[in-house]
PDB file of all heavy atoms in Angstrom:
ATOM      1  N   VAL A   1     -47.051  25.192  44.837  1.00  0.00           N
ATOM      2  CA  VAL A   1     -48.342  25.804  44.575  1.00  0.00           C
ATOM      3  C   VAL A   1     -48.080  27.210  44.106  1.00  0.00           C
ATOM      4  O   VAL A   1     -48.900  27.730  43.208  1.00  0.00           O
ATOM      5  CB  VAL A   1     -49.209  25.841  45.854  1.00  0.00           C
ATOM      6  CG1 VAL A   1     -50.469  26.494  45.619  1.00  0.00           C
ATOM      7  CG2 VAL A   1     -49.442  24.348  46.310  1.00  0.00           C
ATOM      8  N   ASN A   2     -47.042  27.900  44.630  1.00  0.00           N
ATOM      9  CA  ASN A   2     -46.797  29.269  44.172  1.00  0.00           C
ATOM     10  C   ASN A   2     -46.005  29.282  42.874  1.00  0.00           C
ATOM     11  O   ASN A   2     -46.023  30.221  42.158  1.00  0.00           O
ATOM     12  CB  ASN A   2     -45.868  29.902  45.261  1.00  0.00           C
ATOM     13  CG  ASN A   2     -46.506  30.024  46.584  1.00  0.00           C
ATOM     14  OD1 ASN A   2     -47.764  30.086  46.643  1.00  0.00           O
ATOM     15  ND2 ASN A   2     -45.674  29.997  47.684  1.00  0.00           N
ATOM     16  N   SER A   3     -45.255  28.274  42.534  1.00  0.00           N
ATOM     17  CA  SER A   3     -44.427  28.215  41.347  1.00  0.00           C
ATOM     18  C   SER A   3     -45.014  27.416  40.188  1.00  0.00           C
ATOM     19  O   SER A   3     -45.658  27.940  39.223  1.00  0.00           O
ATOM     20  CB  SER A   3     -43.047  27.720  41.707  1.00  0.00           C
ATOM     21  OG  SER A   3     -43.133  26.454  42.256  1.00  0.00           O
ATOM     22  N   ALA A   4     -45.015  26.131  40.278  1.00  0.00           N
ATOM     23  CA  ALA A   4     -45.519  25.195  39.268  1.00  0.00           C
ATOM     24  C   ALA A   4     -46.975  25.403  38.923  1.00  0.00           C
ATOM     25  O   ALA A   4     -47.419  25.363  37.789  1.00  0.00           O
ATOM     26  CB  ALA A   4     -45.179  23.737  39.558  1.00  0.00           C
ATOM     27  N   ALA A   5     -47.787  25.596  39.975  1.00  0.00           N
ATOM     28  CA  ALA A   5     -49.217  25.749  39.770  1.00  0.00           C
ATOM     29  C   ALA A   5     -49.599  27.141  39.205  1.00  0.00           C
ATOM     30  O   ALA A   5     -50.733  27.445  39.056  1.00  0.00           O
ATOM     31  CB  ALA A   5     -49.979  25.494  41.091  1.00  0.00           C
ATOM     32  N   HIS A   6     -48.567  28.035  39.013  1.00  0.00           N
ATOM     33  CA  HIS A   6     -48.763  29.191  38.279  1.00  0.00           C
ATOM     34  C   HIS A   6     -48.251  29.205  36.908  1.00  0.00           C
ATOM     35  O   HIS A   6     -48.129  30.310  36.223  1.00  0.00           O
ATOM     36  CB  HIS A   6     -48.303  30.378  39.158  1.00  0.00           C
ATOM     37  CG  HIS A   6     -49.144  30.909  40.226  1.00  0.00           C
ATOM     38  ND1 HIS A   6     -49.906  32.072  40.162  1.00  0.00           N
ATOM     39  CD2 HIS A   6     -49.517  30.310  41.419  1.00  0.00           C
ATOM     40  CE1 HIS A   6     -50.607  32.169  41.284  1.00  0.00           C
ATOM     41  NE2 HIS A   6     -50.391  31.105  42.075  1.00  0.00           N
ATOM     42  N   MET A   7     -47.658  28.158  36.478  1.00  0.00           N
ATOM     43  CA  MET A   7     -46.897  28.148  35.245  1.00  0.00           C
ATOM     44  C   MET A   7     -47.217  26.888  34.275  1.00  0.00           C
ATOM     45  O   MET A   7     -47.194  27.089  33.077  1.00  0.00           O
ATOM     46  CB  MET A   7     -45.377  28.027  35.478  1.00  0.00           C
ATOM     47  CG  MET A   7     -44.894  29.316  36.179  1.00  0.00           C
ATOM     48  SD  MET A   7     -43.088  29.249  36.568  1.00  0.00           S
ATOM     49  CE  MET A   7     -42.922  30.930  37.312  1.00  0.00           C
ATOM     50  N   PHE A   8     -47.384  25.737  34.897  1.00  0.00           N
ATOM     51  CA  PHE A   8     -47.468  24.535  34.007  1.00  0.00           C
ATOM     52  C   PHE A   8     -48.799  23.831  34.145  1.00  0.00           C
ATOM     53  O   PHE A   8     -49.053  23.138  35.132  1.00  0.00           O
ATOM     54  CB  PHE A   8     -46.378  23.584  34.415  1.00  0.00           C
ATOM     55  CG  PHE A   8     -44.972  24.164  34.460  1.00  0.00           C
ATOM     56  CD1 PHE A   8     -44.364  24.286  35.620  1.00  0.00           C
ATOM     57  CD2 PHE A   8     -44.428  24.819  33.344  1.00  0.00           C
ATOM     58  CE1 PHE A   8     -43.073  24.880  35.793  1.00  0.00           C
ATOM     59  CE2 PHE A   8     -43.219  25.451  33.387  1.00  0.00           C
ATOM     60  CZ  PHE A   8     -42.500  25.426  34.645  1.00  0.00           C
ATOM     61  N   GLY A   9     -49.715  24.089  33.251  1.00  0.00           N
ATOM     62  CA  GLY A   9     -50.996  23.461  33.188  1.00  0.00           C
ATOM     63  C   GLY A   9     -52.001  24.167  32.357  1.00  0.00           C
ATOM     64  O   GLY A   9     -51.686  25.123  31.605  1.00  0.00           O
ATOM     65  N   ASN A  10     -53.257  23.825  32.481  1.00  0.00           N
ATOM     66  CA  ASN A  10     -54.309  24.414  31.673  1.00  0.00           C
ATOM     67  C   ASN A  10     -55.164  25.341  32.411  1.00  0.00           C
ATOM     68  O   ASN A  10     -55.054  25.456  33.768  1.00  0.00           O
ATOM     69  CB  ASN A  10     -55.211  23.346  30.941  1.00  0.00           C
ATOM     70  CG  ASN A  10     -55.863  22.373  31.995  1.00  0.00           C
ATOM     71  OD1 ASN A  10     -55.284  22.200  33.081  1.00  0.00           O
ATOM     72  ND2 ASN A  10     -56.999  21.844  31.685  1.00  0.00           N
ATOM     73  N   LYS A  11     -56.128  26.090  31.820  1.00  0.00           N
ATOM     74  CA  LYS A  11     -56.997  27.138  32.521  1.00  0.00           C
ATOM     75  C   LYS A  11     -58.425  26.854  32.136  1.00  0.00           C
ATOM     76  O   LYS A  11     -58.962  27.664  31.461  1.00  0.00           O
ATOM     77  CB  LYS A  11     -56.486  28.451  32.152  1.00  0.00           C
ATOM     78  CG  LYS A  11     -54.954  28.729  32.496  1.00  0.00           C
ATOM     79  CD  LYS A  11     -54.649  30.086  31.985  1.00  0.00           C
ATOM     80  CE  LYS A  11     -53.166  30.337  32.338  1.00  0.00           C
ATOM     81  NZ  LYS A  11     -52.566  31.728  31.879  1.00  0.00           N
ATOM     82  N   PRO A  12     -59.056  25.822  32.517  1.00  0.00           N
ATOM     83  CA  PRO A  12     -60.389  25.537  32.123  1.00  0.00           C
ATOM     84  C   PRO A  12     -61.531  26.480  32.780  1.00  0.00           C
ATOM     85  O   PRO A  12     -62.614  26.550  32.368  1.00  0.00           O
ATOM     86  CB  PRO A  12     -60.647  24.115  32.603  1.00  0.00           C
ATOM     87  CG  PRO A  12     -59.693  23.923  33.851  1.00  0.00           C
ATOM     88  CD  PRO A  12     -58.529  24.781  33.471  1.00  0.00           C
ATOM     89  N   TYR A  13     -61.174  27.218  33.813  1.00  0.00           N
ATOM     90  CA  TYR A  13     -62.088  28.090  34.501  1.00  0.00           C
ATOM     91  C   TYR A  13     -61.858  29.565  34.121  1.00  0.00           C
ATOM     92  O   TYR A  13     -62.905  30.247  34.106  1.00  0.00           O
ATOM     93  CB  TYR A  13     -62.039  27.883  36.026  1.00  0.00           C
ATOM     94  CG  TYR A  13     -62.213  26.356  36.349  1.00  0.00           C
ATOM     95  CD1 TYR A  13     -61.215  25.611  36.570  1.00  0.00           C
ATOM     96  CD2 TYR A  13     -63.479  25.892  36.409  1.00  0.00           C
ATOM     97  CE1 TYR A  13     -61.450  24.215  36.917  1.00  0.00           C
ATOM     98  CE2 TYR A  13     -63.783  24.463  36.740  1.00  0.00           C
ATOM     99  CZ  TYR A  13     -62.687  23.693  36.942  1.00  0.00           C
ATOM    100  OH  TYR A  13     -62.929  22.399  37.256  1.00  0.00           O
ATOM    101  N   ASP A  14     -60.687  30.014  33.962  1.00  0.00           N
ATOM    102  CA  ASP A  14     -60.398  31.399  33.671  1.00  0.00           C
ATOM    103  C   ASP A  14     -59.137  31.476  32.934  1.00  0.00           C
ATOM    104  O   ASP A  14     -58.035  31.393  33.497  1.00  0.00           O
ATOM    105  CB  ASP A  14     -60.361  32.261  34.940  1.00  0.00           C
ATOM    106  CG  ASP A  14     -60.419  33.789  34.683  1.00  0.00           C
ATOM    107  OD1 ASP A  14     -60.097  34.069  33.470  1.00  0.00           O
ATOM    108  OD2 ASP A  14     -60.646  34.555  35.517  1.00  0.00           O
ATOM    109  N   ARG A  15     -59.215  31.674  31.639  1.00  0.00           N
ATOM    110  CA  ARG A  15     -58.023  31.762  30.762  1.00  0.00           C
ATOM    111  C   ARG A  15     -57.201  33.002  30.896  1.00  0.00           C
ATOM    112  O   ARG A  15     -56.125  33.100  30.430  1.00  0.00           O
ATOM    113  CB  ARG A  15     -58.444  31.535  29.357  1.00  0.00           C
ATOM    114  CG  ARG A  15     -59.312  32.683  28.722  1.00  0.00           C
ATOM    115  CD  ARG A  15     -59.869  32.397  27.337  1.00  0.00           C
ATOM    116  NE  ARG A  15     -60.703  33.360  26.865  1.00  0.00           N
ATOM    117  CZ  ARG A  15     -62.063  33.466  27.092  1.00  0.00           C
ATOM    118  NH1 ARG A  15     -62.610  32.528  27.798  1.00  0.00           N
ATOM    119  NH2 ARG A  15     -62.829  34.462  26.594  1.00  0.00           N
ATOM    120  N   LYS A  16     -57.788  34.068  31.525  1.00  0.00           N
ATOM    121  CA  LYS A  16     -57.136  35.316  31.658  1.00  0.00           C
ATOM    122  C   LYS A  16     -56.291  35.488  32.836  1.00  0.00           C
ATOM    123  O   LYS A  16     -55.612  36.500  32.985  1.00  0.00           O
ATOM    124  CB  LYS A  16     -58.199  36.425  31.655  1.00  0.00           C
ATOM    125  CG  LYS A  16     -58.991  36.494  30.273  1.00  0.00           C
ATOM    126  CD  LYS A  16     -59.997  37.685  30.340  1.00  0.00           C
ATOM    127  CE  LYS A  16     -60.766  37.714  29.038  1.00  0.00           C
ATOM    128  NZ  LYS A  16     -61.740  38.802  29.009  1.00  0.00           N
ATOM    129  N   ILE A  17     -56.210  34.493  33.787  1.00  0.00           N
ATOM    130  CA  ILE A  17     -55.441  34.566  34.966  1.00  0.00           C
ATOM    131  C   ILE A  17     -54.363  33.614  34.833  1.00  0.00           C
ATOM    132  O   ILE A  17     -54.325  32.704  33.945  1.00  0.00           O
ATOM    133  CB  ILE A  17     -56.196  34.269  36.232  1.00  0.00           C
ATOM    134  CG1 ILE A  17     -56.849  32.947  36.201  1.00  0.00           C
ATOM    135  CG2 ILE A  17     -57.275  35.414  36.445  1.00  0.00           C
ATOM    136  CD1 ILE A  17     -57.570  32.531  37.512  1.00  0.00           C
ATOM    137  N   GLN A  18     -53.242  33.760  35.588  1.00  0.00           N
ATOM    138  CA  GLN A  18     -52.039  32.947  35.386  1.00  0.00           C
ATOM    139  C   GLN A  18     -52.140  31.588  36.060  1.00  0.00           C
ATOM    140  O   GLN A  18     -51.517  30.658  35.593  1.00  0.00           O
ATOM    141  CB  GLN A  18     -50.761  33.681  35.896  1.00  0.00           C
ATOM    142  CG  GLN A  18     -49.487  33.125  35.371  1.00  0.00           C
ATOM    143  CD  GLN A  18     -48.381  34.148  35.336  1.00  0.00           C
ATOM    144  OE1 GLN A  18     -48.639  35.253  34.998  1.00  0.00           O
ATOM    145  NE2 GLN A  18     -47.249  33.746  35.661  1.00  0.00           N
ATOM    146  N   PRO A  19     -52.730  31.434  37.296  1.00  0.00           N
ATOM    147  CA  PRO A  19     -52.783  30.053  37.916  1.00  0.00           C
ATOM    148  C   PRO A  19     -53.435  29.059  36.896  1.00  0.00           C
ATOM    149  O   PRO A  19     -54.260  29.285  36.194  1.00  0.00           O
ATOM    150  CB  PRO A  19     -53.667  30.353  39.067  1.00  0.00           C
ATOM    151  CG  PRO A  19     -53.527  31.839  39.359  1.00  0.00           C
ATOM    152  CD  PRO A  19     -53.401  32.442  38.065  1.00  0.00           C
ATOM    153  N   VAL A  20     -52.922  27.792  37.160  1.00  0.00           N
ATOM    154  CA  VAL A  20     -53.327  26.725  36.292  1.00  0.00           C
ATOM    155  C   VAL A  20     -53.718  25.467  37.076  1.00  0.00           C
ATOM    156  O   VAL A  20     -53.486  25.399  38.269  1.00  0.00           O
ATOM    157  CB  VAL A  20     -52.118  26.324  35.305  1.00  0.00           C
ATOM    158  CG1 VAL A  20     -51.754  27.509  34.431  1.00  0.00           C
ATOM    159  CG2 VAL A  20     -50.921  25.850  36.099  1.00  0.00           C
ATOM    160  N   GLU A  21     -54.271  24.474  36.399  1.00  0.00           N
ATOM    161  CA  GLU A  21     -54.569  23.145  36.949  1.00  0.00           C
ATOM    162  C   GLU A  21     -53.296  22.232  36.831  1.00  0.00           C
ATOM    163  O   GLU A  21     -52.844  22.063  35.704  1.00  0.00           O
ATOM    164  CB  GLU A  21     -55.714  22.565  36.327  1.00  0.00           C
ATOM    165  CG  GLU A  21     -56.991  23.348  36.297  1.00  0.00           C
ATOM    166  CD  GLU A  21     -57.675  23.440  37.618  1.00  0.00           C
ATOM    167  OE1 GLU A  21     -58.379  22.453  38.012  1.00  0.00           O
ATOM    168  OE2 GLU A  21     -57.500  24.466  38.355  1.00  0.00           O
ATOM    169  N   ASN A  22     -52.749  21.755  37.894  1.00  0.00           N
ATOM    170  CA  ASN A  22     -51.572  20.992  37.877  1.00  0.00           C
ATOM    171  C   ASN A  22     -51.653  19.708  38.679  1.00  0.00           C
ATOM    172  O   ASN A  22     -51.853  19.827  39.931  1.00  0.00           O
ATOM    173  CB  ASN A  22     -50.378  21.810  38.404  1.00  0.00           C
ATOM    174  CG  ASN A  22     -49.004  21.073  38.074  1.00  0.00           C
ATOM    175  OD1 ASN A  22     -48.754  20.038  38.652  1.00  0.00           O
ATOM    176  ND2 ASN A  22     -48.188  21.693  37.231  1.00  0.00           N
ATOM    177  N   LEU A  23     -51.790  18.583  38.025  1.00  0.00           N
ATOM    178  CA  LEU A  23     -52.070  17.320  38.639  1.00  0.00           C
ATOM    179  C   LEU A  23     -51.003  16.886  39.720  1.00  0.00           C
ATOM    180  O   LEU A  23     -51.248  16.489  40.851  1.00  0.00           O
ATOM    181  CB  LEU A  23     -52.229  16.198  37.682  1.00  0.00           C
ATOM    182  CG  LEU A  23     -52.336  14.734  38.247  1.00  0.00           C
ATOM    183  CD1 LEU A  23     -53.569  14.548  39.057  1.00  0.00           C
ATOM    184  CD2 LEU A  23     -52.312  13.779  37.093  1.00  0.00           C
ATOM    185  N   MET A  24     -49.683  17.006  39.401  1.00  0.00           N
ATOM    186  CA  MET A  24     -48.615  16.617  40.171  1.00  0.00           C
ATOM    187  C   MET A  24     -48.600  17.500  41.459  1.00  0.00           C
ATOM    188  O   MET A  24     -48.387  16.944  42.615  1.00  0.00           O
ATOM    189  CB  MET A  24     -47.302  16.778  39.450  1.00  0.00           C
ATOM    190  CG  MET A  24     -46.118  16.268  40.276  1.00  0.00           C
ATOM    191  SD  MET A  24     -46.295  14.504  40.833  1.00  0.00           S
ATOM    192  CE  MET A  24     -46.329  13.708  39.237  1.00  0.00           C
ATOM    193  N   VAL A  25     -48.813  18.757  41.330  1.00  0.00           N
ATOM    194  CA  VAL A  25     -48.824  19.603  42.537  1.00  0.00           C
ATOM    195  C   VAL A  25     -49.945  19.225  43.467  1.00  0.00           C
ATOM    196  O   VAL A  25     -49.874  19.159  44.678  1.00  0.00           O
ATOM    197  CB  VAL A  25     -48.939  21.089  42.123  1.00  0.00           C
ATOM    198  CG1 VAL A  25     -49.065  21.981  43.349  1.00  0.00           C
ATOM    199  CG2 VAL A  25     -47.685  21.524  41.412  1.00  0.00           C
ATOM    200  N   SER A  26     -51.155  18.921  42.773  1.00  0.00           N
ATOM    201  CA  SER A  26     -52.297  18.475  43.533  1.00  0.00           C
ATOM    202  C   SER A  26     -51.955  17.249  44.428  1.00  0.00           C
ATOM    203  O   SER A  26     -52.397  16.959  45.544  1.00  0.00           O
ATOM    204  CB  SER A  26     -53.530  18.170  42.616  1.00  0.00           C
ATOM    205  OG  SER A  26     -53.867  19.436  41.991  1.00  0.00           O
ATOM    206  N   ILE A  27     -51.246  16.311  43.834  1.00  0.00           N
ATOM    207  CA  ILE A  27     -50.945  15.026  44.568  1.00  0.00           C
ATOM    208  C   ILE A  27     -49.964  15.391  45.733  1.00  0.00           C
ATOM    209  O   ILE A  27     -50.194  14.896  46.811  1.00  0.00           O
ATOM    210  CB  ILE A  27     -50.230  14.110  43.517  1.00  0.00           C
ATOM    211  CG1 ILE A  27     -51.248  13.614  42.521  1.00  0.00           C
ATOM    212  CG2 ILE A  27     -49.640  12.880  44.298  1.00  0.00           C
ATOM    213  CD1 ILE A  27     -50.726  12.766  41.410  1.00  0.00           C
ATOM    214  N   LEU A  28     -48.951  16.171  45.438  1.00  0.00           N
ATOM    215  CA  LEU A  28     -47.882  16.413  46.445  1.00  0.00           C
ATOM    216  C   LEU A  28     -48.458  17.394  47.474  1.00  0.00           C
ATOM    217  O   LEU A  28     -48.072  17.162  48.750  1.00  0.00           O
ATOM    218  CB  LEU A  28     -46.661  17.070  45.801  1.00  0.00           C
ATOM    219  CG  LEU A  28     -45.904  16.130  44.874  1.00  0.00           C
ATOM    220  CD1 LEU A  28     -44.810  16.945  44.106  1.00  0.00           C
ATOM    221  CD2 LEU A  28     -45.357  14.960  45.579  1.00  0.00           C
ATOM    222  N   ALA A  29     -49.323  18.266  47.166  1.00  0.00           N
ATOM    223  CA  ALA A  29     -49.784  19.373  48.122  1.00  0.00           C
ATOM    224  C   ALA A  29     -51.232  19.079  48.641  1.00  0.00           C
ATOM    225  O   ALA A  29     -51.964  19.921  48.989  1.00  0.00           O
ATOM    226  CB  ALA A  29     -49.721  20.720  47.456  1.00  0.00           C
ATOM    227  N   MET A  30     -51.631  17.749  48.566  1.00  0.00           N
ATOM    228  CA  MET A  30     -52.884  17.328  49.133  1.00  0.00           C
ATOM    229  C   MET A  30     -54.091  18.075  48.585  1.00  0.00           C
ATOM    230  O   MET A  30     -55.008  18.392  49.275  1.00  0.00           O
ATOM    231  CB  MET A  30     -52.800  17.498  50.721  1.00  0.00           C
ATOM    232  CG  MET A  30     -51.734  16.711  51.328  1.00  0.00           C
ATOM    233  SD  MET A  30     -51.603  16.954  53.136  1.00  0.00           S
ATOM    234  CE  MET A  30     -53.151  16.152  53.720  1.00  0.00           C
ATOM    235  N   GLY A  31     -54.092  18.323  47.326  1.00  0.00           N
ATOM    236  CA  GLY A  31     -55.297  18.868  46.616  1.00  0.00           C
ATOM    237  C   GLY A  31     -55.109  20.343  46.343  1.00  0.00           C
ATOM    238  O   GLY A  31     -56.186  20.966  45.879  1.00  0.00           O
ATOM    239  N   GLU A  32     -53.934  20.973  46.530  1.00  0.00           N
ATOM    240  CA  GLU A  32     -53.879  22.476  46.416  1.00  0.00           C
ATOM    241  C   GLU A  32     -53.429  22.759  44.918  1.00  0.00           C
ATOM    242  O   GLU A  32     -53.241  23.980  44.752  1.00  0.00           O
ATOM    243  CB  GLU A  32     -52.893  23.021  47.370  1.00  0.00           C
ATOM    244  CG  GLU A  32     -53.292  22.890  48.799  1.00  0.00           C
ATOM    245  CD  GLU A  32     -54.537  23.624  49.150  1.00  0.00           C
ATOM    246  OE1 GLU A  32     -54.408  24.746  49.607  1.00  0.00           O
ATOM    247  OE2 GLU A  32     -55.660  23.078  49.122  1.00  0.00           O
ATOM    248  N   GLY A  33     -53.277  21.901  44.101  1.00  0.00           N
ATOM    249  CA  GLY A  33     -52.735  22.167  42.723  1.00  0.00           C
ATOM    250  C   GLY A  33     -53.782  22.577  41.692  1.00  0.00           C
ATOM    251  O   GLY A  33     -53.437  22.849  40.583  1.00  0.00           O
ATOM    252  N   TRP A  34     -55.107  22.397  42.063  1.00  0.00           N
ATOM    253  CA  TRP A  34     -56.166  22.782  41.082  1.00  0.00           C
ATOM    254  C   TRP A  34     -56.307  24.312  41.220  1.00  0.00           C
ATOM    255  O   TRP A  34     -57.307  24.805  41.712  1.00  0.00           O
ATOM    256  CB  TRP A  34     -57.464  22.117  41.460  1.00  0.00           C
ATOM    257  CG  TRP A  34     -57.253  20.545  41.484  1.00  0.00           C
ATOM    258  CD1 TRP A  34     -57.381  19.829  42.584  1.00  0.00           C
ATOM    259  CD2 TRP A  34     -56.776  19.682  40.444  1.00  0.00           C
ATOM    260  NE1 TRP A  34     -57.052  18.493  42.301  1.00  0.00           N
ATOM    261  CE2 TRP A  34     -56.689  18.457  40.987  1.00  0.00           C
ATOM    262  CE3 TRP A  34     -56.438  19.946  39.163  1.00  0.00           C
ATOM    263  CZ2 TRP A  34     -56.295  17.303  40.261  1.00  0.00           C
ATOM    264  CZ3 TRP A  34     -56.033  18.842  38.410  1.00  0.00           C
ATOM    265  CH2 TRP A  34     -55.994  17.507  38.790  1.00  0.00           C
ATOM    266  N   HIS A  35     -55.334  25.016  40.714  1.00  0.00           N
ATOM    267  CA  HIS A  35     -55.112  26.387  41.163  1.00  0.00           C
ATOM    268  C   HIS A  35     -55.920  27.375  40.256  1.00  0.00           C
ATOM    269  O   HIS A  35     -56.179  28.491  40.651  1.00  0.00           O
ATOM    270  CB  HIS A  35     -53.590  26.729  41.048  1.00  0.00           C
ATOM    271  CG  HIS A  35     -53.153  27.603  42.219  1.00  0.00           C
ATOM    272  ND1 HIS A  35     -53.628  27.444  43.522  1.00  0.00           N
ATOM    273  CD2 HIS A  35     -52.460  28.733  42.256  1.00  0.00           C
ATOM    274  CE1 HIS A  35     -53.095  28.346  44.284  1.00  0.00           C
ATOM    275  NE2 HIS A  35     -52.408  29.210  43.555  1.00  0.00           N
ATOM    276  N   ASN A  36     -56.168  27.030  39.072  1.00  0.00           N
ATOM    277  CA  ASN A  36     -56.982  27.854  38.247  1.00  0.00           C
ATOM    278  C   ASN A  36     -58.458  27.910  38.789  1.00  0.00           C
ATOM    279  O   ASN A  36     -59.004  29.051  38.842  1.00  0.00           O
ATOM    280  CB  ASN A  36     -57.053  27.347  36.822  1.00  0.00           C
ATOM    281  CG  ASN A  36     -57.742  28.363  35.788  1.00  0.00           C
ATOM    282  OD1 ASN A  36     -58.825  28.105  35.331  1.00  0.00           O
ATOM    283  ND2 ASN A  36     -57.055  29.444  35.506  1.00  0.00           N
ATOM    284  N   TYR A  37     -58.875  26.802  39.189  1.00  0.00           N
ATOM    285  CA  TYR A  37     -60.149  26.669  39.855  1.00  0.00           C
ATOM    286  C   TYR A  37     -60.106  27.529  41.194  1.00  0.00           C
ATOM    287  O   TYR A  37     -60.991  28.301  41.460  1.00  0.00           O
ATOM    288  CB  TYR A  37     -60.566  25.339  40.196  1.00  0.00           C
ATOM    289  CG  TYR A  37     -61.891  25.162  40.943  1.00  0.00           C
ATOM    290  CD1 TYR A  37     -63.101  25.038  40.190  1.00  0.00           C
ATOM    291  CD2 TYR A  37     -61.961  25.205  42.315  1.00  0.00           C
ATOM    292  CE1 TYR A  37     -64.312  24.945  40.844  1.00  0.00           C
ATOM    293  CE2 TYR A  37     -63.216  25.131  42.961  1.00  0.00           C
ATOM    294  CZ  TYR A  37     -64.350  24.982  42.247  1.00  0.00           C
ATOM    295  OH  TYR A  37     -65.577  24.903  42.890  1.00  0.00           O
ATOM    296  N   HIS A  38     -59.055  27.367  42.022  1.00  0.00           N
ATOM    297  CA  HIS A  38     -58.967  27.955  43.334  1.00  0.00           C
ATOM    298  C   HIS A  38     -59.071  29.524  43.184  1.00  0.00           C
ATOM    299  O   HIS A  38     -59.695  30.139  43.921  1.00  0.00           O
ATOM    300  CB  HIS A  38     -57.861  27.547  44.105  1.00  0.00           C
ATOM    301  CG  HIS A  38     -57.611  28.184  45.335  1.00  0.00           C
ATOM    302  ND1 HIS A  38     -58.512  28.239  46.399  1.00  0.00           N
ATOM    303  CD2 HIS A  38     -56.556  29.092  45.770  1.00  0.00           C
ATOM    304  CE1 HIS A  38     -58.025  28.973  47.372  1.00  0.00           C
ATOM    305  NE2 HIS A  38     -56.910  29.468  47.017  1.00  0.00           N
ATOM    306  N   HIS A  39     -58.248  29.999  42.198  1.00  0.00           N
ATOM    307  CA  HIS A  39     -58.224  31.485  42.060  1.00  0.00           C
ATOM    308  C   HIS A  39     -59.515  32.026  41.496  1.00  0.00           C
ATOM    309  O   HIS A  39     -59.792  33.216  41.624  1.00  0.00           O
ATOM    310  CB  HIS A  39     -57.017  31.894  41.196  1.00  0.00           C
ATOM    311  CG  HIS A  39     -55.820  32.147  42.001  1.00  0.00           C
ATOM    312  ND1 HIS A  39     -55.317  33.412  42.296  1.00  0.00           N
ATOM    313  CD2 HIS A  39     -54.941  31.313  42.511  1.00  0.00           C
ATOM    314  CE1 HIS A  39     -54.181  33.299  42.980  1.00  0.00           C
ATOM    315  NE2 HIS A  39     -53.945  32.098  43.193  1.00  0.00           N
ATOM    316  N   THR A  40     -60.295  31.180  40.882  1.00  0.00           N
ATOM    317  CA  THR A  40     -61.629  31.503  40.362  1.00  0.00           C
ATOM    318  C   THR A  40     -62.635  31.517  41.406  1.00  0.00           C
ATOM    319  O   THR A  40     -63.505  32.394  41.511  1.00  0.00           O
ATOM    320  CB  THR A  40     -62.038  30.623  39.175  1.00  0.00           C
ATOM    321  OG1 THR A  40     -61.039  30.592  38.215  1.00  0.00           O
ATOM    322  CG2 THR A  40     -63.415  31.105  38.552  1.00  0.00           C
ATOM    323  N   PHE A  41     -62.562  30.424  42.286  1.00  0.00           N
ATOM    324  CA  PHE A  41     -63.492  30.351  43.390  1.00  0.00           C
ATOM    325  C   PHE A  41     -62.727  30.130  44.720  1.00  0.00           C
ATOM    326  O   PHE A  41     -62.710  28.956  45.294  1.00  0.00           O
ATOM    327  CB  PHE A  41     -64.424  29.127  43.196  1.00  0.00           C
ATOM    328  CG  PHE A  41     -65.207  29.166  41.892  1.00  0.00           C
ATOM    329  CD1 PHE A  41     -64.848  28.404  40.787  1.00  0.00           C
ATOM    330  CD2 PHE A  41     -66.393  29.954  41.870  1.00  0.00           C
ATOM    331  CE1 PHE A  41     -65.644  28.359  39.654  1.00  0.00           C
ATOM    332  CE2 PHE A  41     -67.127  29.916  40.646  1.00  0.00           C
ATOM    333  CZ  PHE A  41     -66.699  29.215  39.577  1.00  0.00           C
ATOM    334  N   PRO A  42     -62.019  31.191  45.164  1.00  0.00           N
ATOM    335  CA  PRO A  42     -61.160  31.006  46.338  1.00  0.00           C
ATOM    336  C   PRO A  42     -61.962  30.683  47.583  1.00  0.00           C
ATOM    337  O   PRO A  42     -61.336  30.193  48.643  1.00  0.00           O
ATOM    338  CB  PRO A  42     -60.537  32.398  46.494  1.00  0.00           C
ATOM    339  CG  PRO A  42     -61.432  33.349  45.814  1.00  0.00           C
ATOM    340  CD  PRO A  42     -62.004  32.520  44.694  1.00  0.00           C
ATOM    341  N   TRP A  43     -63.211  30.904  47.635  1.00  0.00           N
ATOM    342  CA  TRP A  43     -64.058  30.593  48.895  1.00  0.00           C
ATOM    343  C   TRP A  43     -64.554  29.161  48.918  1.00  0.00           C
ATOM    344  O   TRP A  43     -65.257  28.737  49.898  1.00  0.00           O
ATOM    345  CB  TRP A  43     -65.132  31.599  48.944  1.00  0.00           C
ATOM    346  CG  TRP A  43     -65.836  31.872  47.735  1.00  0.00           C
ATOM    347  CD1 TRP A  43     -65.520  32.797  46.730  1.00  0.00           C
ATOM    348  CD2 TRP A  43     -66.934  31.094  47.037  1.00  0.00           C
ATOM    349  NE1 TRP A  43     -66.345  32.685  45.585  1.00  0.00           N
ATOM    350  CE2 TRP A  43     -67.225  31.667  45.873  1.00  0.00           C
ATOM    351  CE3 TRP A  43     -67.666  30.068  47.513  1.00  0.00           C
ATOM    352  CZ2 TRP A  43     -68.253  31.200  45.034  1.00  0.00           C
ATOM    353  CZ3 TRP A  43     -68.725  29.504  46.733  1.00  0.00           C
ATOM    354  CH2 TRP A  43     -68.927  30.160  45.507  1.00  0.00           C
ATOM    355  N   ASP A  44     -64.290  28.367  47.934  1.00  0.00           N
ATOM    356  CA  ASP A  44     -64.763  26.970  47.891  1.00  0.00           C
ATOM    357  C   ASP A  44     -63.838  26.181  48.828  1.00  0.00           C
ATOM    358  O   ASP A  44     -62.566  26.044  48.630  1.00  0.00           O
ATOM    359  CB  ASP A  44     -64.641  26.445  46.518  1.00  0.00           C
ATOM    360  CG  ASP A  44     -65.274  25.021  46.425  1.00  0.00           C
ATOM    361  OD1 ASP A  44     -65.458  24.340  47.410  1.00  0.00           O
ATOM    362  OD2 ASP A  44     -65.558  24.597  45.256  1.00  0.00           O
ATOM    363  N   TYR A  45     -64.455  25.476  49.830  1.00  0.00           N
ATOM    364  CA  TYR A  45     -63.579  24.665  50.836  1.00  0.00           C
ATOM    365  C   TYR A  45     -62.832  23.557  50.141  1.00  0.00           C
ATOM    366  O   TYR A  45     -61.888  23.061  50.706  1.00  0.00           O
ATOM    367  CB  TYR A  45     -64.557  24.111  51.870  1.00  0.00           C
ATOM    368  CG  TYR A  45     -65.233  22.808  51.617  1.00  0.00           C
ATOM    369  CD1 TYR A  45     -64.724  21.617  52.128  1.00  0.00           C
ATOM    370  CD2 TYR A  45     -66.371  22.794  50.767  1.00  0.00           C
ATOM    371  CE1 TYR A  45     -65.299  20.428  51.810  1.00  0.00           C
ATOM    372  CE2 TYR A  45     -66.918  21.592  50.526  1.00  0.00           C
ATOM    373  CZ  TYR A  45     -66.398  20.400  51.071  1.00  0.00           C
ATOM    374  OH  TYR A  45     -67.043  19.262  50.695  1.00  0.00           O
TER     375      TYR A  45
END
């Protein structure tokens, strides 16, 4: 989540930040790889 989800993927929610959406990380980390969304809405459960 700290490495791949900040480097490899797209940015559909905020193109100006580094975190990205990463499917593989989401599978392995139980949903934590949708990182562009998470850094945009960190308070979403």
